[in-house]
């Protein structure tokens, strides 16, 4: 995946994760925290690719 794709997927996962954390169900909140963390990792990966090039 390219830099932009990673960043978009990261933003999407973060937003969904934040929304899940607002639910009243403990299991769904935990899933939300996990999904938000995944989104942050994808964002970071996109930033690294942007700095080093998409070929990594």
N, C-alpha and C. Protein backbone atom coordinates (compact mmCIF):
# COMPACT_ATOMS: atom_id res chain seq x y z
N UNK A 1 0.84 -1.18 0.00
CA UNK A 1 0.00 0.00 0.00
C UNK A 1 0.88 1.23 0.00
N UNK A 2 0.34 2.28 -0.53
CA UNK A 2 1.06 3.53 -0.57
C UNK A 2 0.81 4.38 0.66
N UNK A 3 1.53 5.46 0.71
CA UNK A 3 1.44 6.38 1.84
C UNK A 3 0.01 6.87 2.06
N UNK A 4 -0.60 7.36 1.01
CA UNK A 4 -1.95 7.92 1.13
C UNK A 4 -2.96 6.86 1.55
N UNK A 5 -2.85 5.67 0.99
CA UNK A 5 -3.77 4.58 1.33
C UNK A 5 -3.66 4.23 2.81
N UNK A 6 -2.43 4.15 3.31
CA UNK A 6 -2.23 3.83 4.73
C UNK A 6 -2.83 4.91 5.62
N UNK A 7 -2.63 6.15 5.24
CA UNK A 7 -3.15 7.25 6.05
C UNK A 7 -4.68 7.26 6.06
N UNK A 8 -5.28 7.00 4.92
CA UNK A 8 -6.75 6.97 4.84
C UNK A 8 -7.31 5.82 5.68
N UNK A 9 -6.71 4.64 5.54
CA UNK A 9 -7.17 3.50 6.33
C UNK A 9 -6.96 3.75 7.81
N UNK A 10 -5.85 4.39 8.15
CA UNK A 10 -5.58 4.72 9.54
C UNK A 10 -6.62 5.67 10.11
N UNK A 11 -6.95 6.72 9.35
CA UNK A 11 -7.98 7.66 9.80
C UNK A 11 -9.32 6.98 9.98
N UNK A 12 -9.66 6.11 9.05
CA UNK A 12 -10.93 5.39 9.12
C UNK A 12 -10.99 4.51 10.35
N UNK A 13 -9.94 3.73 10.59
CA UNK A 13 -9.92 2.85 11.75
C UNK A 13 -9.94 3.64 13.05
N UNK A 14 -9.25 4.77 13.09
CA UNK A 14 -9.28 5.60 14.29
C UNK A 14 -10.70 6.11 14.57
N UNK A 15 -11.36 6.59 13.53
CA UNK A 15 -12.71 7.13 13.70
C UNK A 15 -13.70 6.05 14.14
N UNK A 16 -13.62 4.88 13.53
CA UNK A 16 -14.51 3.79 13.92
C UNK A 16 -14.21 3.34 15.35
N UNK A 17 -12.92 3.27 15.67
CA UNK A 17 -12.53 2.88 17.02
C UNK A 17 -13.04 3.85 18.06
N UNK A 18 -12.94 5.14 17.78
CA UNK A 18 -13.45 6.16 18.71
C UNK A 18 -14.96 6.03 18.88
N UNK A 19 -15.66 5.76 17.79
CA UNK A 19 -17.11 5.61 17.87
C UNK A 19 -17.49 4.39 18.70
N UNK A 20 -16.77 3.30 18.52
CA UNK A 20 -17.05 2.09 19.30
C UNK A 20 -16.81 2.32 20.79
N UNK A 21 -15.83 3.15 21.11
CA UNK A 21 -15.53 3.42 22.52
C UNK A 21 -16.65 4.21 23.20
N UNK A 22 -17.50 4.85 22.44
CA UNK A 22 -18.61 5.61 23.00
C UNK A 22 -19.81 4.73 23.36
N UNK A 23 -19.76 3.46 22.93
CA UNK A 23 -20.87 2.56 23.21
C UNK A 23 -20.87 2.15 24.68
N UNK A 24 -21.99 1.67 25.18
CA UNK A 24 -22.10 1.28 26.56
C UNK A 24 -21.58 -0.12 26.86
N UNK A 25 -21.34 -0.91 25.84
CA UNK A 25 -20.91 -2.30 25.98
C UNK A 25 -19.39 -2.37 26.18
N UNK A 26 -18.94 -3.05 27.24
CA UNK A 26 -17.51 -3.13 27.57
C UNK A 26 -16.71 -3.82 26.46
N UNK A 27 -17.26 -4.85 25.88
CA UNK A 27 -16.56 -5.58 24.82
C UNK A 27 -16.37 -4.69 23.58
N UNK A 28 -17.40 -3.96 23.22
CA UNK A 28 -17.31 -3.08 22.07
C UNK A 28 -16.32 -1.94 22.33
N UNK A 29 -16.28 -1.43 23.55
CA UNK A 29 -15.32 -0.38 23.89
C UNK A 29 -13.89 -0.91 23.76
N UNK A 30 -13.67 -2.14 24.19
CA UNK A 30 -12.34 -2.75 24.07
C UNK A 30 -11.96 -2.91 22.59
N UNK A 31 -12.91 -3.35 21.77
CA UNK A 31 -12.66 -3.47 20.33
C UNK A 31 -12.32 -2.10 19.75
N UNK A 32 -13.01 -1.08 20.23
CA UNK A 32 -12.76 0.28 19.75
C UNK A 32 -11.36 0.76 20.07
N UNK A 33 -10.88 0.48 21.28
CA UNK A 33 -9.52 0.86 21.65
C UNK A 33 -8.50 0.15 20.75
N UNK A 34 -8.77 -1.13 20.50
CA UNK A 34 -7.89 -1.92 19.65
C UNK A 34 -7.89 -1.38 18.22
N UNK A 35 -9.06 -1.06 17.71
CA UNK A 35 -9.16 -0.57 16.34
C UNK A 35 -8.52 0.82 16.21
N UNK A 36 -8.67 1.64 17.23
CA UNK A 36 -8.05 2.96 17.20
C UNK A 36 -6.52 2.82 17.19
N UNK A 37 -5.99 1.90 17.97
CA UNK A 37 -4.54 1.66 18.00
C UNK A 37 -4.05 1.18 16.63
N UNK A 38 -4.83 0.31 15.99
CA UNK A 38 -4.48 -0.16 14.66
C UNK A 38 -4.44 1.01 13.68
N UNK A 39 -5.40 1.91 13.80
CA UNK A 39 -5.44 3.08 12.93
C UNK A 39 -4.22 3.96 13.13
N UNK A 40 -3.81 4.15 14.37
CA UNK A 40 -2.63 4.97 14.64
C UNK A 40 -1.37 4.32 14.05
N UNK A 41 -1.30 3.00 14.12
CA UNK A 41 -0.16 2.28 13.53
C UNK A 41 -0.15 2.44 12.01
N UNK A 42 -1.33 2.38 11.40
CA UNK A 42 -1.41 2.55 9.95
C UNK A 42 -1.00 3.97 9.56
N UNK A 43 -1.41 4.94 10.34
CA UNK A 43 -1.03 6.33 10.08
C UNK A 43 0.49 6.46 10.14
N UNK A 44 1.09 5.89 11.17
CA UNK A 44 2.54 5.94 11.33
C UNK A 44 3.24 5.30 10.14
N UNK A 45 2.73 4.15 9.71
CA UNK A 45 3.31 3.45 8.57
C UNK A 45 3.25 4.33 7.32
N UNK A 46 2.13 5.02 7.14
CA UNK A 46 1.99 5.93 6.01
C UNK A 46 2.98 7.07 6.07
N UNK A 47 3.21 7.61 7.26
CA UNK A 47 4.17 8.69 7.42
C UNK A 47 5.59 8.21 7.10
N UNK A 48 5.94 7.02 7.57
CA UNK A 48 7.26 6.46 7.29
C UNK A 48 7.44 6.26 5.79
N UNK A 49 6.43 5.71 5.15
CA UNK A 49 6.51 5.50 3.69
C UNK A 49 6.67 6.84 2.98
N UNK A 50 6.01 7.87 3.48
CA UNK A 50 6.13 9.18 2.86
C UNK A 50 7.54 9.73 2.96
N UNK A 51 8.21 9.44 4.05
CA UNK A 51 9.55 9.96 4.26
C UNK A 51 10.61 9.10 3.57
N UNK A 52 10.40 7.79 3.52
CA UNK A 52 11.40 6.89 2.96
C UNK A 52 11.07 6.44 1.54
N UNK A 53 9.86 6.65 1.13
CA UNK A 53 9.45 6.19 -0.19
C UNK A 53 8.54 4.98 -0.07
N UNK A 54 7.66 4.78 -1.02
CA UNK A 54 6.69 3.70 -0.99
C UNK A 54 7.31 2.32 -1.22
N UNK A 55 8.57 2.24 -1.56
CA UNK A 55 9.21 0.97 -1.90
C UNK A 55 9.65 0.15 -0.71
N UNK A 56 9.42 0.63 0.52
CA UNK A 56 9.86 -0.13 1.70
C UNK A 56 8.92 -1.25 2.01
